[in-house]
C-alpha atoms as a PDB file:
ATOM      1  CA  MET A   1     -48.643  25.492 -16.200  1.00  0.00           C
ATOM      2  CA  ARG A   2     -47.953  25.839 -19.692  1.00  0.00           C
ATOM      3  CA  ILE A   3     -46.833  28.763 -20.593  1.00  0.00           C
ATOM      4  CA  ASP A   4     -45.875  30.092 -24.244  1.00  0.00           C
ATOM      5  CA  LEU A   5     -44.683  33.914 -24.372  1.00  0.00           C
ATOM      6  CA  HIS A   6     -43.926  34.273 -28.237  1.00  0.00           C
ATOM      7  CA  THR A   7     -46.703  33.968 -30.716  1.00  0.00           C
ATOM      8  CA  HIS A   8     -47.831  35.726 -33.886  1.00  0.00           C
ATOM      9  CA  SER A   9     -51.074  36.396 -35.780  1.00  0.00           C
ATOM     10  CA  THR A  10     -52.135  37.766 -38.822  1.00  0.00           C
ATOM     11  CA  ALA A  11     -51.612  40.957 -37.098  1.00  0.00           C
ATOM     12  CA  SER A  12     -47.955  40.728 -38.716  1.00  0.00           C
ATOM     13  CA  ASP A  13     -46.949  37.694 -40.113  1.00  0.00           C
ATOM     14  CA  GLY A  14     -48.848  34.683 -38.772  1.00  0.00           C
ATOM     15  CA  THR A  15     -51.261  32.727 -40.619  1.00  0.00           C
ATOM     16  CA  ASP A  16     -53.390  32.411 -38.098  1.00  0.00           C
ATOM     17  CA  THR A  17     -56.122  34.894 -36.923  1.00  0.00           C
ATOM     18  CA  PRO A  18     -55.756  36.068 -33.388  1.00  0.00           C
ATOM     19  CA  ALA A  19     -58.625  34.350 -32.416  1.00  0.00           C
ATOM     20  CA  GLU A  20     -57.621  31.470 -34.131  1.00  0.00           C
ATOM     21  CA  LEU A  21     -54.382  31.568 -32.208  1.00  0.00           C
ATOM     22  CA  VAL A  22     -55.904  31.497 -28.861  1.00  0.00           C
ATOM     23  CA  ALA A  23     -58.043  29.243 -30.152  1.00  0.00           C
ATOM     24  CA  ASN A  24     -55.108  26.906 -31.109  1.00  0.00           C
ATOM     25  CA  ALA A  25     -53.621  27.748 -27.956  1.00  0.00           C
ATOM     26  CA  ALA A  26     -56.360  26.696 -26.105  1.00  0.00           C
ATOM     27  CA  ALA A  27     -56.344  23.209 -27.873  1.00  0.00           C
ATOM     28  CA  ALA A  28     -52.511  22.854 -27.922  1.00  0.00           C
ATOM     29  CA  GLY A  29     -53.293  22.637 -23.501  1.00  0.00           C
ATOM     30  CA  LEU A  30     -51.729  25.941 -23.158  1.00  0.00           C
ATOM     31  CA  ASP A  31     -52.531  27.451 -19.798  1.00  0.00           C
ATOM     32  CA  VAL A  32     -50.971  31.266 -20.780  1.00  0.00           C
ATOM     33  CA  VAL A  33     -49.991  32.444 -24.204  1.00  0.00           C
ATOM     34  CA  ALA A  34     -48.569  36.454 -25.204  1.00  0.00           C
ATOM     35  CA  LEU A  35     -49.352  37.350 -28.628  1.00  0.00           C
ATOM     36  CA  THR A  36     -46.259  39.426 -29.980  1.00  0.00           C
ATOM     37  CA  ASP A  37     -46.973  40.488 -33.602  1.00  0.00           C
ATOM     38  CA  HIS A  38     -43.921  42.616 -35.339  1.00  0.00           C
ATOM     39  CA  ASP A  39     -44.122  46.184 -34.255  1.00  0.00           C
ATOM     40  CA  THR A  40     -48.024  46.174 -33.528  1.00  0.00           C
ATOM     41  CA  VAL A  41     -50.659  45.571 -30.816  1.00  0.00           C
ATOM     42  CA  GLY A  42     -53.163  45.624 -33.232  1.00  0.00           C
ATOM     43  CA  GLY A  43     -54.495  42.091 -33.039  1.00  0.00           C
ATOM     44  CA  HIS A  44     -54.615  42.357 -29.095  1.00  0.00           C
ATOM     45  CA  ALA A  45     -58.590  43.418 -28.789  1.00  0.00           C
ATOM     46  CA  GLU A  46     -59.516  40.272 -31.257  1.00  0.00           C
ATOM     47  CA  ALA A  47     -57.501  37.771 -29.053  1.00  0.00           C
ATOM     48  CA  ALA A  48     -58.731  38.761 -25.755  1.00  0.00           C
ATOM     49  CA  ALA A  49     -62.487  39.302 -26.754  1.00  0.00           C
ATOM     50  CA  ALA A  50     -62.172  35.149 -28.167  1.00  0.00           C
ATOM     51  CA  LEU A  51     -60.256  34.044 -25.642  1.00  0.00           C
ATOM     52  CA  PRO A  52     -61.483  30.665 -24.036  1.00  0.00           C
ATOM     53  CA  GLU A  53     -61.695  30.159 -20.841  1.00  0.00           C
ATOM     54  CA  GLY A  54     -59.214  28.680 -18.862  1.00  0.00           C
ATOM     55  CA  LEU A  55     -56.483  30.427 -20.942  1.00  0.00           C
ATOM     56  CA  THR A  56     -54.785  33.571 -19.749  1.00  0.00           C
ATOM     57  CA  LEU A  57     -53.313  36.363 -22.455  1.00  0.00           C
ATOM     58  CA  VAL A  58     -50.093  38.192 -22.222  1.00  0.00           C
ATOM     59  CA  THR A  59     -49.943  40.905 -24.471  1.00  0.00           C
ATOM     60  CA  GLY A  60     -47.477  42.366 -26.135  1.00  0.00           C
ATOM     61  CA  ALA A  61     -45.056  43.076 -29.520  1.00  0.00           C
ATOM     62  CA  GLU A  62     -41.989  42.001 -30.633  1.00  0.00           C
ATOM     63  CA  LEU A  63     -40.194  45.231 -31.566  1.00  0.00           C
ATOM     64  CA  SER A  64     -37.418  45.512 -34.177  1.00  0.00           C
ATOM     65  CA  CYS A  65     -33.939  46.956 -33.134  1.00  0.00           C
ATOM     66  CA  ARG A  66     -30.543  47.484 -34.461  1.00  0.00           C
ATOM     67  CA  VAL A  67     -27.361  47.678 -32.778  1.00  0.00           C
ATOM     68  CA  ASP A  68     -23.970  48.057 -34.052  1.00  0.00           C
ATOM     69  CA  GLY A  69     -25.027  47.594 -37.733  1.00  0.00           C
ATOM     70  CA  ILE A  70     -26.956  44.110 -36.063  1.00  0.00           C
ATOM     71  CA  GLY A  71     -30.123  43.175 -36.482  1.00  0.00           C
ATOM     72  CA  LEU A  72     -32.120  42.212 -33.059  1.00  0.00           C
ATOM     73  CA  HIS A  73     -36.127  41.563 -31.889  1.00  0.00           C
ATOM     74  CA  MET A  74     -36.792  42.661 -28.524  1.00  0.00           C
ATOM     75  CA  LEU A  75     -40.043  41.158 -26.741  1.00  0.00           C
ATOM     76  CA  ALA A  76     -41.722  43.635 -25.138  1.00  0.00           C
ATOM     77  CA  TYR A  77     -44.849  42.719 -22.392  1.00  0.00           C
ATOM     78  CA  LEU A  78     -47.573  44.076 -20.822  1.00  0.00           C
ATOM     79  CA  PHE A  79     -46.799  47.570 -21.551  1.00  0.00           C
ATOM     80  CA  ASP A  80     -49.277  50.542 -21.636  1.00  0.00           C
ATOM     81  CA  PRO A  81     -50.015  50.433 -25.539  1.00  0.00           C
ATOM     82  CA  SER A  82     -50.944  54.023 -25.428  1.00  0.00           C
ATOM     83  CA  GLU A  83     -47.499  55.375 -24.534  1.00  0.00           C
ATOM     84  CA  PRO A  84     -46.723  57.633 -27.112  1.00  0.00           C
ATOM     85  CA  GLU A  85     -43.509  57.558 -27.827  1.00  0.00           C
ATOM     86  CA  LEU A  86     -43.174  53.994 -27.527  1.00  0.00           C
ATOM     87  CA  ALA A  87     -46.519  53.958 -30.111  1.00  0.00           C
ATOM     88  CA  ARG A  88     -44.690  56.569 -32.002  1.00  0.00           C
ATOM     89  CA  GLU A  89     -42.097  54.107 -32.513  1.00  0.00           C
ATOM     90  CA  ARG A  90     -43.907  51.259 -33.660  1.00  0.00           C
ATOM     91  CA  GLU A  91     -45.564  53.727 -36.017  1.00  0.00           C
ATOM     92  CA  LEU A  92     -42.017  54.681 -37.765  1.00  0.00           C
ATOM     93  CA  VAL A  93     -41.330  50.664 -37.955  1.00  0.00           C
ATOM     94  CA  ARG A  94     -44.275  49.482 -39.165  1.00  0.00           C
ATOM     95  CA  ASP A  95     -44.616  52.504 -42.134  1.00  0.00           C
ATOM     96  CA  ASP A  96     -41.142  51.598 -43.120  1.00  0.00           C
ATOM     97  CA  ARG A  97     -41.849  47.784 -43.903  1.00  0.00           C
ATOM     98  CA  VAL A  98     -43.655  48.372 -47.153  1.00  0.00           C
ATOM     99  CA  PRO A  99     -41.042  50.632 -48.645  1.00  0.00           C
ATOM    100  CA  ARG A 100     -38.621  47.782 -47.420  1.00  0.00           C
ATOM    101  CA  ALA A 101     -40.158  44.621 -48.594  1.00  0.00           C
ATOM    102  CA  ARG A 102     -40.700  46.432 -52.051  1.00  0.00           C
ATOM    103  CA  VAL A 103     -36.876  46.739 -51.957  1.00  0.00           C
ATOM    104  CA  MET A 104     -36.315  42.662 -51.427  1.00  0.00           C
ATOM    105  CA  VAL A 105     -38.852  42.121 -53.999  1.00  0.00           C
ATOM    106  CA  ARG A 106     -36.365  44.207 -56.170  1.00  0.00           C
ATOM    107  CA  LYS A 107     -33.279  42.845 -54.914  1.00  0.00           C
ATOM    108  CA  LEU A 108     -34.717  39.241 -55.438  1.00  0.00           C
ATOM    109  CA  GLN A 109     -35.576  40.347 -59.078  1.00  0.00           C
ATOM    110  CA  GLU A 110     -32.108  41.177 -59.439  1.00  0.00           C
ATOM    111  CA  LEU A 111     -30.748  37.911 -58.332  1.00  0.00           C
ATOM    112  CA  GLY A 112     -33.328  36.240 -60.948  1.00  0.00           C
ATOM    113  CA  VAL A 113     -36.237  35.107 -58.769  1.00  0.00           C
ATOM    114  CA  PRO A 114     -39.614  35.615 -60.545  1.00  0.00           C
ATOM    115  CA  VAL A 115     -40.940  37.284 -58.056  1.00  0.00           C
ATOM    116  CA  THR A 116     -43.427  40.033 -57.846  1.00  0.00           C
ATOM    117  CA  TRP A 117     -44.800  42.589 -55.264  1.00  0.00           C
ATOM    118  CA  GLU A 118     -48.082  41.514 -55.677  1.00  0.00           C
ATOM    119  CA  GLN A 119     -47.387  38.161 -54.902  1.00  0.00           C
ATOM    120  CA  VAL A 120     -45.857  39.275 -51.492  1.00  0.00           C
ATOM    121  CA  ALA A 121     -49.146  41.614 -51.005  1.00  0.00           C
ATOM    122  CA  ARG A 122     -51.383  38.808 -51.443  1.00  0.00           C
ATOM    123  CA  ILE A 123     -49.690  36.668 -48.932  1.00  0.00           C
ATOM    124  CA  ALA A 124     -49.722  39.874 -46.704  1.00  0.00           C
ATOM    125  CA  GLY A 125     -53.041  40.384 -46.474  1.00  0.00           C
ATOM    126  CA  ASP A 126     -54.155  42.695 -43.876  1.00  0.00           C
ATOM    127  CA  GLY A 127     -51.426  42.164 -41.995  1.00  0.00           C
ATOM    128  CA  SER A 128     -47.565  43.807 -41.211  1.00  0.00           C
ATOM    129  CA  VAL A 129     -44.919  43.020 -44.217  1.00  0.00           C
ATOM    130  CA  GLY A 130     -42.307  41.622 -43.378  1.00  0.00           C
ATOM    131  CA  ARG A 131     -39.573  38.887 -44.492  1.00  0.00           C
ATOM    132  CA  PRO A 132     -41.755  35.609 -43.937  1.00  0.00           C
ATOM    133  CA  HIS A 133     -44.085  36.977 -46.209  1.00  0.00           C
ATOM    134  CA  VAL A 134     -41.322  37.176 -48.990  1.00  0.00           C
ATOM    135  CA  ALA A 135     -39.794  34.255 -47.528  1.00  0.00           C
ATOM    136  CA  THR A 136     -43.298  32.778 -48.322  1.00  0.00           C
ATOM    137  CA  ALA A 137     -43.599  33.516 -51.657  1.00  0.00           C
ATOM    138  CA  LEU A 138     -40.152  32.162 -52.417  1.00  0.00           C
ATOM    139  CA  VAL A 139     -41.789  28.918 -51.306  1.00  0.00           C
ATOM    140  CA  GLU A 140     -44.406  29.114 -53.658  1.00  0.00           C
ATOM    141  CA  LEU A 141     -41.784  29.851 -56.455  1.00  0.00           C
ATOM    142  CA  GLY A 142     -39.598  26.850 -54.941  1.00  0.00           C
ATOM    143  CA  VAL A 143     -36.699  28.664 -54.572  1.00  0.00           C
ATOM    144  CA  VAL A 144     -36.578  27.454 -50.708  1.00  0.00           C
ATOM    145  CA  ASP A 145     -37.879  24.465 -49.250  1.00  0.00           C
ATOM    146  CA  THR A 146     -39.365  26.268 -46.108  1.00  0.00           C
ATOM    147  CA  VAL A 147     -39.532  29.721 -44.946  1.00  0.00           C
ATOM    148  CA  SER A 148     -36.836  29.314 -42.667  1.00  0.00           C
ATOM    149  CA  ASP A 149     -34.480  28.267 -45.547  1.00  0.00           C
ATOM    150  CA  ALA A 150     -34.967  31.737 -46.823  1.00  0.00           C
ATOM    151  CA  PHE A 151     -33.564  33.828 -43.495  1.00  0.00           C
ATOM    152  CA  THR A 152     -30.065  32.645 -44.284  1.00  0.00           C
ATOM    153  CA  PRO A 153     -27.276  35.162 -45.824  1.00  0.00           C
ATOM    154  CA  ALA A 154     -27.852  33.733 -49.354  1.00  0.00           C
ATOM    155  CA  TRP A 155     -31.705  35.207 -49.443  1.00  0.00           C
ATOM    156  CA  LEU A 156     -33.209  36.933 -46.430  1.00  0.00           C
ATOM    157  CA  GLY A 157     -30.825  36.701 -43.583  1.00  0.00           C
ATOM    158  CA  ASN A 158     -29.123  39.746 -41.868  1.00  0.00           C
ATOM    159  CA  GLY A 159     -26.941  41.014 -44.016  1.00  0.00           C
ATOM    160  CA  GLY A 160     -28.110  38.628 -47.137  1.00  0.00           C
ATOM    161  CA  ARG A 161     -28.232  39.320 -50.587  1.00  0.00           C
ATOM    162  CA  ALA A 162     -31.850  40.664 -50.561  1.00  0.00           C
ATOM    163  CA  TYR A 163     -31.584  41.926 -47.475  1.00  0.00           C
ATOM    164  CA  ALA A 164     -32.661  45.447 -47.045  1.00  0.00           C
ATOM    165  CA  ASP A 165     -32.906  47.525 -43.812  1.00  0.00           C
ATOM    166  CA  LYS A 166     -35.809  49.558 -41.988  1.00  0.00           C
ATOM    167  CA  HIS A 167     -36.282  52.030 -39.366  1.00  0.00           C
ATOM    168  CA  GLU A 168     -35.359  50.194 -36.349  1.00  0.00           C
ATOM    169  CA  LEU A 169     -35.369  50.865 -32.693  1.00  0.00           C
ATOM    170  CA  ASP A 170     -31.592  51.187 -30.403  1.00  0.00           C
ATOM    171  CA  PRO A 171     -32.143  48.158 -28.254  1.00  0.00           C
ATOM    172  CA  PHE A 172     -31.263  50.425 -25.343  1.00  0.00           C
ATOM    173  CA  ASP A 173     -33.976  53.556 -26.321  1.00  0.00           C
ATOM    174  CA  ALA A 174     -36.370  50.213 -26.539  1.00  0.00           C
ATOM    175  CA  ILE A 175     -35.755  48.909 -23.079  1.00  0.00           C
ATOM    176  CA  ARG A 176     -36.481  52.791 -21.947  1.00  0.00           C
ATOM    177  CA  LEU A 177     -39.346  53.464 -23.640  1.00  0.00           C
ATOM    178  CA  VAL A 178     -40.901  49.965 -22.700  1.00  0.00           C
ATOM    179  CA  LYS A 179     -40.006  50.603 -19.248  1.00  0.00           C
ATOM    180  CA  ALA A 180     -41.958  53.935 -19.133  1.00  0.00           C
ATOM    181  CA  ALA A 181     -44.886  52.304 -20.388  1.00  0.00           C
ATOM    182  CA  GLY A 182     -44.375  49.595 -17.489  1.00  0.00           C
ATOM    183  CA  GLY A 183     -43.512  47.025 -19.963  1.00  0.00           C
ATOM    184  CA  VAL A 184     -41.033  44.475 -19.586  1.00  0.00           C
ATOM    185  CA  THR A 185     -38.430  42.956 -22.199  1.00  0.00           C
ATOM    186  CA  VAL A 186     -36.781  40.137 -23.190  1.00  0.00           C
ATOM    187  CA  PHE A 187     -34.160  39.446 -25.739  1.00  0.00           C
ATOM    188  CA  ALA A 188     -35.715  37.282 -28.484  1.00  0.00           C
ATOM    189  CA  HIS A 189     -33.695  33.912 -30.098  1.00  0.00           C
ATOM    190  CA  PRO A 190     -30.571  36.168 -29.391  1.00  0.00           C
ATOM    191  CA  LEU A 191     -28.272  33.194 -30.509  1.00  0.00           C
ATOM    192  CA  ALA A 192     -30.177  32.435 -34.018  1.00  0.00           C
ATOM    193  CA  VAL A 193     -26.647  32.862 -35.629  1.00  0.00           C
ATOM    194  CA  LYS A 194     -28.522  30.707 -38.424  1.00  0.00           C
ATOM    195  CA  ARG A 195     -30.575  33.983 -39.737  1.00  0.00           C
ATOM    196  CA  GLY A 196     -27.160  35.970 -40.289  1.00  0.00           C
ATOM    197  CA  ALA A 197     -24.829  38.128 -37.661  1.00  0.00           C
ATOM    198  CA  VAL A 198     -25.953  37.781 -33.890  1.00  0.00           C
ATOM    199  CA  VAL A 199     -25.008  40.458 -31.057  1.00  0.00           C
ATOM    200  CA  PRO A 200     -21.402  39.471 -29.512  1.00  0.00           C
ATOM    201  CA  GLU A 201     -22.131  38.708 -25.302  1.00  0.00           C
ATOM    202  CA  PRO A 202     -20.703  42.360 -23.977  1.00  0.00           C
ATOM    203  CA  VAL A 203     -23.477  43.782 -26.270  1.00  0.00           C
ATOM    204  CA  ILE A 204     -26.056  41.472 -24.139  1.00  0.00           C
ATOM    205  CA  GLU A 205     -24.016  42.528 -20.892  1.00  0.00           C
ATOM    206  CA  ARG A 206     -24.463  46.034 -21.243  1.00  0.00           C
ATOM    207  CA  LEU A 207     -28.254  45.624 -22.052  1.00  0.00           C
ATOM    208  CA  ALA A 208     -28.877  43.743 -18.994  1.00  0.00           C
ATOM    209  CA  ALA A 209     -27.136  46.767 -17.055  1.00  0.00           C
ATOM    210  CA  ALA A 210     -29.426  49.177 -19.276  1.00  0.00           C
ATOM    211  CA  GLY A 211     -32.351  47.012 -17.485  1.00  0.00           C
ATOM    212  CA  LEU A 212     -33.207  44.176 -20.229  1.00  0.00           C
ATOM    213  CA  ASP A 213     -35.647  41.705 -18.193  1.00  0.00           C
ATOM    214  CA  GLY A 214     -34.901  38.431 -19.845  1.00  0.00           C
ATOM    215  CA  ILE A 215     -33.757  36.611 -22.770  1.00  0.00           C
ATOM    216  CA  GLU A 216     -35.216  33.942 -24.845  1.00  0.00           C
ATOM    217  CA  ILE A 217     -33.322  30.168 -24.629  1.00  0.00           C
ATOM    218  CA  ASP A 218     -35.851  27.622 -25.409  1.00  0.00           C
ATOM    219  CA  HIS A 219     -36.034  28.594 -29.250  1.00  0.00           C
ATOM    220  CA  MET A 220     -36.063  26.747 -32.595  1.00  0.00           C
ATOM    221  CA  ASP A 221     -33.300  28.162 -33.428  1.00  0.00           C
ATOM    222  CA  HIS A 222     -31.103  27.701 -30.470  1.00  0.00           C
ATOM    223  CA  ASP A 223     -29.707  23.892 -30.444  1.00  0.00           C
ATOM    224  CA  GLU A 224     -28.942  22.502 -27.141  1.00  0.00           C
ATOM    225  CA  ALA A 225     -24.493  23.253 -26.922  1.00  0.00           C
ATOM    226  CA  THR A 226     -26.336  27.319 -27.538  1.00  0.00           C
ATOM    227  CA  ARG A 227     -29.385  26.924 -25.157  1.00  0.00           C
ATOM    228  CA  ALA A 228     -26.529  25.728 -22.304  1.00  0.00           C
ATOM    229  CA  ARG A 229     -24.476  28.956 -23.012  1.00  0.00           C
ATOM    230  CA  LEU A 230     -27.494  31.081 -22.656  1.00  0.00           C
ATOM    231  CA  ARG A 231     -28.911  29.498 -19.292  1.00  0.00           C
ATOM    232  CA  GLY A 232     -24.996  30.265 -18.237  1.00  0.00           C
ATOM    233  CA  LEU A 233     -24.950  33.799 -19.633  1.00  0.00           C
ATOM    234  CA  ALA A 234     -28.713  34.548 -17.879  1.00  0.00           C
ATOM    235  CA  ALA A 235     -27.563  33.208 -14.113  1.00  0.00           C
ATOM    236  CA  GLU A 236     -24.177  35.274 -15.171  1.00  0.00           C
ATOM    237  CA  LEU A 237     -26.628  38.592 -15.063  1.00  0.00           C
ATOM    238  CA  GLY A 238     -29.058  38.306 -13.687  1.00  0.00           C
ATOM    239  CA  LEU A 239     -32.032  37.881 -16.609  1.00  0.00           C
ATOM    240  CA  LEU A 240     -35.216  35.899 -16.697  1.00  0.00           C
ATOM    241  CA  PRO A 241     -34.318  32.354 -18.951  1.00  0.00           C
ATOM    242  CA  THR A 242     -37.717  32.064 -21.139  1.00  0.00           C
ATOM    243  CA  GLY A 243     -38.570  29.025 -23.696  1.00  0.00           C
ATOM    244  CA  SER A 244     -41.217  30.157 -26.691  1.00  0.00           C
ATOM    245  CA  SER A 245     -42.320  28.446 -29.747  1.00  0.00           C
ATOM    246  CA  ASP A 246     -42.628  31.516 -31.714  1.00  0.00           C
ATOM    247  CA  TYR A 247     -45.516  30.311 -33.042  1.00  0.00           C
ATOM    248  CA  HIS A 248     -46.383  31.283 -37.007  1.00  0.00           C
ATOM    249  CA  GLY A 249     -49.113  29.448 -38.060  1.00  0.00           C
ATOM    250  CA  SER A 250     -48.417  27.057 -40.492  1.00  0.00           C
ATOM    251  CA  ARG A 251     -45.554  29.613 -42.136  1.00  0.00           C
ATOM    252  CA  LYS A 252     -43.141  27.407 -39.584  1.00  0.00           C
ATOM    253  CA  THR A 253     -43.276  23.537 -38.847  1.00  0.00           C
ATOM    254  CA  VAL A 254     -42.946  24.904 -34.488  1.00  0.00           C
ATOM    255  CA  ARG A 255     -46.020  24.051 -32.606  1.00  0.00           C
ATOM    256  CA  LEU A 256     -47.909  26.036 -30.131  1.00  0.00           C
ATOM    257  CA  GLY A 257     -45.955  24.795 -26.904  1.00  0.00           C
ATOM    258  CA  GLU A 258     -43.433  22.981 -28.307  1.00  0.00           C
ATOM    259  CA  TYR A 259     -40.695  25.557 -25.883  1.00  0.00           C
ATOM    260  CA  THR A 260     -42.208  27.146 -22.957  1.00  0.00           C
ATOM    261  CA  THR A 261     -41.635  29.259 -20.211  1.00  0.00           C
ATOM    262  CA  ASP A 262     -41.269  27.929 -16.415  1.00  0.00           C
ATOM    263  CA  PRO A 263     -44.443  29.357 -14.599  1.00  0.00           C
ATOM    264  CA  GLU A 264     -42.108  30.894 -11.427  1.00  0.00           C
ATOM    265  CA  ILE A 265     -40.348  32.601 -14.359  1.00  0.00           C
ATOM    266  CA  TYR A 266     -43.539  33.902 -15.678  1.00  0.00           C
ATOM    267  CA  GLY A 267     -45.077  34.350 -12.205  1.00  0.00           C
ATOM    268  CA  GLU A 268     -42.492  37.287 -12.234  1.00  0.00           C
ATOM    269  CA  ILE A 269     -42.783  38.865 -15.689  1.00  0.00           C
ATOM    270  CA  THR A 270     -46.270  39.832 -14.643  1.00  0.00           C
ATOM    271  CA  ARG A 271     -44.863  40.968 -11.225  1.00  0.00           C
ATOM    272  CA  ARG A 272     -42.475  43.083 -12.836  1.00  0.00           C
ATOM    273  CA  ALA A 273     -45.682  44.587 -15.175  1.00  0.00           C
ATOM    274  CA  THR A 274     -46.937  47.733 -14.668  1.00  0.00           C
ATOM    275  CA  GLY A 275     -48.204  48.898 -17.770  1.00  0.00           C
ATOM    276  CA  ALA A 276     -51.420  46.120 -18.671  1.00  0.00           C
ATOM    277  CA  PHE A 277     -52.019  43.022 -16.783  1.00  0.00           C
ATOM    278  CA  PRO A 278     -52.575  39.522 -17.956  1.00  0.00           C
ATOM    279  CA  VAL A 279     -56.122  39.314 -19.448  1.00  0.00           C
ATOM    280  CA  PRO A 280     -57.754  35.841 -17.946  1.00  0.00           C
ATOM    281  CA  GLY A 281     -60.905  33.861 -18.692  1.00  0.00           C
ATOM    282  CA  ALA A 282     -63.526  33.814 -21.782  1.00  0.00           C
ATOM    283  CA  GLY A 283     -62.824  37.523 -22.865  1.00  0.00           C
ATOM    284  CA  GLY A 284     -63.118  40.502 -21.505  1.00  0.00           C
ATOM    285  CA  PRO A 285     -61.682  44.110 -21.735  1.00  0.00           C
ATOM    286  CA  LEU A 286     -57.914  44.172 -21.922  1.00  0.00           C
ATOM    287  CA  ASP A 287     -57.426  46.126 -18.963  1.00  0.00           C
ATOM    288  CA  ALA A 288     -59.287  43.227 -17.061  1.00  0.00           C
END
């Protein structure tokens, strides 16, 4: 089995629609794909309805969190999307995305970059606007070569010159809320240092003690030494090790299925989840 547990669609900041995403996942030879758009479940229904035979969809979201002034992302899988407290927190984060993006545009303009809000809004389309849309504008303007190059302290990386805060969950609250909604939590790309500051290992230890289920290890932003370090930490803390592409369509160079999760780990994630179930086959309701 080939399992990719971290992808994005146009419901947030990817370039594939949810239907295109599952079609491309099947074409890439995946058996399981998780749709984990930022702070939204808006793409799940379309993805499930378009699901090709032989491909299983894991519903999820990537939650924006912050601890001790450092931003981090929490992957949440197979939670009940109607659970009111978690739904309310996702809405608060989404509502803050437009004001935050406008602040980043203003900061870039103050740095001499001729970016406009209209440009960013055009790029975002119907998606939940975020930093990758602003980063894409920088690529269009020739300020940086790739979207990833914009996620540095020089530009949009955590604490960077044009970075702006938004409403974010405390990760300990995120774990509590996801578990209350029957879901499973995995710390996304925890040591992606080129994006900016990362949380220290003692914080990861505290998250594990609070009920964190897993940690994303095989990721494009982790080199081999970092992956080895994280594997040791996962073994020490009893965390499930995952691998994922963090696919954003043409917005990033990574391919669907470039990094994958071991089938046994995937099986444990599905065993722990009680809020929702993976969606099999050629479409169907999310509670299939």
